[in-house]
Amino acid sequence: MRLRVAACQILTYPDPAQSADKVLHWMEQAAADGVDVVLFPEACLCGYQCDGAYWEAARPEPFVAAEARIIAAAAALGLATIVGTVHWEEDGVRNSLLVIDRGGIVRGRYAKTHLAESWSRPGRALPIYRVAGVPSCFLVCHDIRYPELVRLPAIAGAQICYFASNESGLTEEYKLSAYRAMPIARAAENGIYLVMANAPANAADITSHSQSHGNSKIVHPDGNVLDEARFFEERLVTATMDTDAATRWVARRAVEDDTILAPWLRDGLQLVSDASGSEG
């Protein structure tokens, strides 16, 4: 199966409506390029806000309205879209991804498990959703440091990991090597594709706490980077995948080989909620 995917590296705004305007523009660009699935960065609909006052004043309604516009556009364009957003549950706000399949079908959400911010509550689920026909799992930013969040879904059948982030800025240069290595490792150590959409660095505000550093990328299951953005540019990072290459061979061996870890990993599969219909 051939699947054309894109990671959209863009800056957005505190206002969800203004951010949605920009997301819709880039969705149109992706559709014109024949993309099947497009991924946007972490908290894309609010530009990843670190100010506590912002979250004290924030309400669900503007985010729900922005998401509704994106869902409608996904349906009209025939474009599966995964967008960084937030949503509210009974105990507070979640830093999450909204997963929309072709036809505007909402598959569900993934809420960030390992937090690096104080305004959000941690997610409690590891979902697999079938996106454009391919079983897929999800990460948000700091999650990339925890390999089990990909290993368990990959064992269960996920062939693509969609990773949305808004990582540290260029002023924390010592982190950049690790940030580049970890997405590559998550792909190669499982034998699956990884699509990373990170926010770019902002030359006009490079010292902001909400800064990031770009380098959005798409990684082949063998660990080779198929396309990668630079630090500051806004663009679509694209690749055409052969999903047959995502054999999950390393992830499968983790439970098939006779090792002391295999029973522990098999028990861990109970934490994965597979709504994709895939077979692990």
Protein backbone atom coordinates (compact mmCIF):
# COMPACT_ATOMS: atom_id res chain seq x y z
CA MET A 1 0.00 0.00 0.00
CA ARG A 2 1.28 3.45 -0.96
CA LEU A 3 0.48 6.30 1.41
CA ARG A 4 1.55 9.93 0.96
CA VAL A 5 2.01 11.68 4.29
CA ALA A 6 2.97 15.19 5.36
CA ALA A 7 4.18 16.84 8.54
CA CYS A 8 3.20 20.51 8.51
CA GLN A 9 5.82 22.70 10.23
CA ILE A 10 4.10 26.02 11.01
CA LEU A 11 3.78 28.70 13.66
CA THR A 12 0.28 29.42 14.94
CA TYR A 13 -1.44 31.84 17.33
CA PRO A 14 -3.03 32.08 20.79
CA ASP A 15 -6.45 32.48 19.14
CA PRO A 16 -7.86 29.10 18.01
CA ALA A 17 -9.88 30.72 15.20
CA GLN A 18 -6.81 32.44 13.76
CA SER A 19 -4.79 29.25 14.10
CA ALA A 20 -7.54 27.29 12.35
CA ASP A 21 -7.39 29.73 9.42
CA LYS A 22 -3.72 28.85 8.95
CA VAL A 23 -4.29 25.12 9.43
CA LEU A 24 -7.00 25.18 6.75
CA HIS A 25 -4.65 26.93 4.33
CA TRP A 26 -2.00 24.25 4.80
CA MET A 27 -4.56 21.47 4.55
CA GLU A 28 -5.44 22.82 1.11
CA GLN A 29 -1.75 22.82 0.18
CA ALA A 30 -1.42 19.21 1.35
CA ALA A 31 -4.48 18.10 -0.59
CA ALA A 32 -3.14 19.78 -3.74
CA ASP A 33 0.08 17.76 -3.30
CA GLY A 34 -1.85 14.49 -3.20
CA VAL A 35 -1.26 13.95 0.51
CA ASP A 36 -3.38 11.30 2.24
CA VAL A 37 -2.56 12.22 5.86
CA VAL A 38 -1.28 15.51 7.27
CA LEU A 39 0.02 16.00 10.82
CA PHE A 40 0.20 19.37 12.62
CA PRO A 41 2.32 20.29 15.68
CA GLU A 42 1.52 19.99 19.37
CA ALA A 43 -1.10 22.47 20.67
CA CYS A 44 -1.28 23.90 17.16
CA LEU A 45 -4.64 25.57 17.76
CA CYS A 46 -3.22 27.78 20.52
CA GLY A 47 0.42 28.11 19.52
CA TYR A 48 1.58 26.22 22.66
CA GLN A 49 0.95 28.75 25.40
CA CYS A 50 3.08 28.64 28.57
CA ASP A 51 1.40 31.58 30.36
CA GLY A 52 -0.75 30.48 33.31
CA ALA A 53 -3.07 33.45 32.77
CA TYR A 54 -3.88 32.16 29.30
CA TRP A 55 -5.12 28.86 30.70
CA GLU A 56 -7.05 30.49 33.54
CA ALA A 57 -9.03 32.39 30.92
CA ALA A 58 -9.23 29.60 28.30
CA ARG A 59 -12.58 27.98 27.57
CA PRO A 60 -13.53 24.93 25.49
CA GLU A 61 -15.86 26.66 23.05
CA PRO A 62 -13.27 28.36 20.78
CA PHE A 63 -11.33 25.10 20.46
CA VAL A 64 -14.47 23.11 19.68
CA ALA A 65 -15.42 25.64 16.99
CA ALA A 66 -11.93 25.55 15.45
CA GLU A 67 -11.93 21.75 15.46
CA ALA A 68 -15.34 21.69 13.75
CA ARG A 69 -13.95 23.78 10.88
CA ILE A 70 -10.98 21.42 10.49
CA ILE A 71 -13.24 18.36 10.54
CA ALA A 72 -15.40 19.89 7.80
CA ALA A 73 -12.32 20.73 5.72
CA ALA A 74 -10.96 17.19 6.14
CA ALA A 75 -14.27 15.86 4.79
CA ALA A 76 -14.33 18.28 1.86
CA LEU A 77 -10.69 17.67 0.91
CA GLY A 78 -10.68 13.90 1.48
CA LEU A 79 -7.67 14.45 3.72
CA ALA A 80 -6.95 12.62 6.97
CA THR A 81 -5.78 15.25 9.47
CA ILE A 82 -4.14 14.96 12.88
CA VAL A 83 -3.99 18.27 14.69
CA GLY A 84 -2.54 19.38 18.02
CA THR A 85 -5.28 20.84 20.19
CA VAL A 86 -6.56 20.76 23.75
CA HIS A 87 -9.76 19.40 25.20
CA TRP A 88 -11.46 19.47 28.57
CA GLU A 89 -12.37 16.49 30.73
CA GLU A 90 -13.91 16.46 34.19
CA ASP A 91 -10.59 16.87 36.00
CA GLY A 92 -9.09 19.48 33.68
CA VAL A 93 -7.60 20.24 30.28
CA ARG A 94 -5.70 17.71 28.16
CA ASN A 95 -2.88 18.44 25.70
CA SER A 96 -4.12 16.24 22.90
CA LEU A 97 -4.25 15.25 19.25
CA LEU A 98 -7.53 15.12 17.38
CA VAL A 99 -7.41 12.26 14.85
CA ILE A 100 -9.65 12.83 11.81
CA ASP A 101 -9.79 10.27 9.03
CA ARG A 102 -10.69 10.86 5.39
CA GLY A 103 -14.34 11.81 5.02
CA GLY A 104 -14.18 13.89 8.21
CA ILE A 105 -14.56 10.80 10.41
CA VAL A 106 -13.24 11.50 13.90
CA ARG A 107 -11.40 8.39 15.05
CA GLY A 108 -10.70 9.80 18.52
CA ARG A 109 -8.04 11.61 20.53
CA TYR A 110 -4.68 10.89 22.06
CA ALA A 111 -3.84 12.88 25.20
CA LYS A 112 -0.18 13.44 26.11
CA THR A 113 1.00 10.89 28.65
CA HIS A 114 4.24 12.40 30.01
CA LEU A 115 3.81 16.10 30.66
CA ALA A 116 6.38 18.88 30.42
CA GLU A 117 3.81 21.60 31.21
CA SER A 118 1.84 22.47 34.35
CA TRP A 119 -1.43 23.48 32.68
CA SER A 120 -2.46 20.02 31.48
CA ARG A 121 -3.48 16.71 33.03
CA PRO A 122 -1.89 13.46 31.77
CA GLY A 123 -3.67 11.16 29.35
CA ARG A 124 -4.51 7.61 30.43
CA ALA A 125 -4.82 5.70 27.16
CA LEU A 126 -2.62 4.35 24.36
CA PRO A 127 -4.97 4.18 21.37
CA ILE A 128 -4.38 2.68 17.95
CA TYR A 129 -6.57 4.20 15.25
CA ARG A 130 -6.73 3.22 11.60
CA VAL A 131 -5.82 6.42 9.71
CA ALA A 132 -6.15 6.30 5.90
CA GLY A 133 -6.35 2.53 6.29
CA VAL A 134 -3.15 2.08 8.34
CA PRO A 135 -3.05 1.20 12.08
CA SER A 136 -1.36 4.14 13.77
CA CYS A 137 -0.21 5.29 17.21
CA PHE A 138 0.57 8.72 18.60
CA LEU A 139 2.98 10.76 20.72
CA VAL A 140 3.04 14.36 21.93
CA CYS A 141 6.38 16.09 22.53
CA HIS A 142 7.93 14.87 25.84
CA ASP A 143 6.39 11.43 25.19
CA ILE A 144 9.21 10.76 22.70
CA ARG A 145 11.57 10.06 25.62
CA TYR A 146 9.55 7.01 26.72
CA PRO A 147 10.07 4.16 24.22
CA GLU A 148 7.34 1.93 25.66
CA LEU A 149 4.68 4.38 24.39
CA VAL A 150 5.60 3.27 20.87
CA ARG A 151 6.80 -0.29 21.56
CA LEU A 152 3.50 -1.49 23.00
CA PRO A 153 1.29 -0.11 20.18
CA ALA A 154 3.81 -1.39 17.59
CA ILE A 155 3.58 -4.88 19.07
CA ALA A 156 -0.21 -4.54 18.94
CA GLY A 157 -0.17 -3.67 15.24
CA ALA A 158 0.66 0.03 14.71
CA GLN A 159 2.70 0.62 11.53
CA ILE A 160 3.01 4.40 11.76
CA CYS A 161 3.67 6.65 14.76
CA TYR A 162 2.46 10.26 14.42
CA PHE A 163 4.52 12.49 16.71
CA ALA A 164 3.41 16.11 17.26
CA SER A 165 5.72 18.39 19.22
CA ASN A 166 6.67 21.89 20.25
CA GLU A 167 10.08 21.22 21.71
CA SER A 168 12.73 23.44 23.29
CA GLY A 169 14.10 26.34 21.27
CA LEU A 170 17.47 26.94 19.65
CA THR A 171 18.83 28.63 22.77
CA GLU A 172 18.92 25.16 24.40
CA GLU A 173 21.35 23.93 21.78
CA TYR A 174 22.61 21.04 23.92
CA LYS A 175 19.24 19.28 23.47
CA LEU A 176 19.18 19.31 19.68
CA SER A 177 21.22 16.17 19.06
CA ALA A 178 18.99 14.09 21.32
CA TYR A 179 15.85 15.60 19.83
CA ARG A 180 16.97 14.49 16.38
CA ALA A 181 18.02 11.02 17.55
CA MET A 182 14.91 10.01 19.50
CA PRO A 183 12.34 10.04 16.66
CA ILE A 184 14.76 8.09 14.48
CA ALA A 185 15.27 5.57 17.29
CA ARG A 186 11.51 5.09 17.85
CA ALA A 187 11.12 4.13 14.18
CA ALA A 188 14.16 1.88 13.86
CA GLU A 189 13.81 0.13 17.22
CA ASN A 190 10.28 -1.01 16.26
CA GLY A 191 10.40 -1.34 12.47
CA ILE A 192 7.68 1.25 11.79
CA TYR A 193 7.39 4.67 10.16
CA LEU A 194 7.48 7.84 12.26
CA VAL A 195 6.03 11.19 11.16
CA MET A 196 7.10 14.19 13.26
CA ALA A 197 5.50 17.65 13.03
CA ASN A 198 7.35 20.19 15.18
CA ALA A 199 6.79 23.93 15.35
CA PRO A 200 9.60 25.95 13.74
CA ALA A 201 11.80 28.42 15.54
CA ASN A 202 10.51 31.99 15.43
CA ALA A 203 13.28 34.42 14.47
CA ALA A 204 11.25 37.31 15.92
CA ASP A 205 10.90 35.72 19.37
CA ILE A 206 13.72 33.23 19.74
CA THR A 207 13.98 33.37 23.56
CA SER A 208 10.30 32.75 24.32
CA HIS A 209 9.43 29.84 26.65
CA SER A 210 7.06 28.57 23.96
CA GLN A 211 9.83 28.40 21.35
CA SER A 212 10.68 25.33 19.32
CA HIS A 213 13.33 24.45 16.74
CA GLY A 214 11.75 22.88 13.67
CA ASN A 215 13.45 19.80 12.16
CA SER A 216 10.11 18.12 11.40
CA LYS A 217 10.83 14.82 9.71
CA ILE A 218 9.56 11.53 8.30
CA VAL A 219 11.54 8.42 9.22
CA HIS A 220 11.57 5.07 7.41
CA PRO A 221 11.32 1.85 9.47
CA ASP A 222 15.03 1.27 8.81
CA GLY A 223 15.88 4.56 10.55
CA ASN A 224 16.68 6.62 7.47
CA VAL A 225 15.19 10.13 7.31
CA LEU A 226 13.11 10.55 4.14
CA ASP A 227 12.54 14.30 4.46
CA GLU A 228 13.41 16.88 7.12
CA ALA A 229 12.76 20.60 7.55
CA ARG A 230 15.26 23.19 8.73
CA PHE A 231 14.97 25.27 11.92
CA PHE A 232 12.95 28.30 10.80
CA GLU A 233 11.05 27.36 7.65
CA GLU A 234 7.33 26.80 7.38
CA ARG A 235 6.59 23.98 4.94
CA LEU A 236 5.17 20.54 4.34
CA VAL A 237 7.61 17.71 5.00
CA THR A 238 6.42 14.92 2.72
CA ALA A 239 7.10 11.31 1.75
CA THR A 240 5.32 8.48 -0.01
CA MET A 241 5.35 5.39 2.18
CA ASP A 242 5.32 1.76 1.21
CA THR A 243 3.44 0.48 4.23
CA ASP A 244 4.64 -3.07 3.55
CA ALA A 245 8.05 -1.87 4.81
CA ALA A 246 6.55 -1.26 8.26
CA THR A 247 6.83 -4.91 9.27
CA ARG A 248 7.18 -4.15 13.02
CA TRP A 249 9.82 -6.88 13.05
CA VAL A 250 11.76 -5.61 16.05
CA ALA A 251 8.61 -4.93 18.07
CA ARG A 252 7.26 -8.39 17.24
CA ARG A 253 10.50 -10.09 18.23
CA ALA A 254 10.26 -8.42 21.64
CA VAL A 255 7.33 -10.69 22.49
CA GLU A 256 8.07 -13.66 20.21
CA ASP A 257 11.64 -14.35 21.38
CA ASP A 258 12.12 -16.45 24.50
CA THR A 259 13.38 -13.70 26.83
CA ILE A 260 12.70 -12.64 30.40
CA LEU A 261 10.99 -9.46 29.13
CA ALA A 262 8.48 -11.12 26.79
CA PRO A 263 5.83 -11.94 29.46
CA TRP A 264 6.12 -8.41 30.89
CA LEU A 265 5.58 -6.87 27.46
CA ARG A 266 2.63 -9.17 26.72
CA ASP A 267 1.03 -8.01 29.98
CA GLY A 268 1.65 -4.42 28.91
CA LEU A 269 -0.42 -4.94 25.76
CA GLN A 270 -3.51 -4.73 27.97
CA LEU A 271 -2.85 -0.98 28.16
CA VAL A 272 -3.27 -0.54 24.38
CA SER A 273 -6.75 0.22 23.13
CA ASP A 274 -6.87 -0.96 19.52
CA ALA A 275 -9.77 0.57 17.61
CA SER A 276 -8.12 -0.14 14.26
CA GLY A 277 -9.06 -3.74 13.69
CA SER A 278 -5.39 -4.59 13.24
CA GLU A 279 -3.86 -7.90 14.18
CA GLY A 280 -0.78 -7.84 16.41
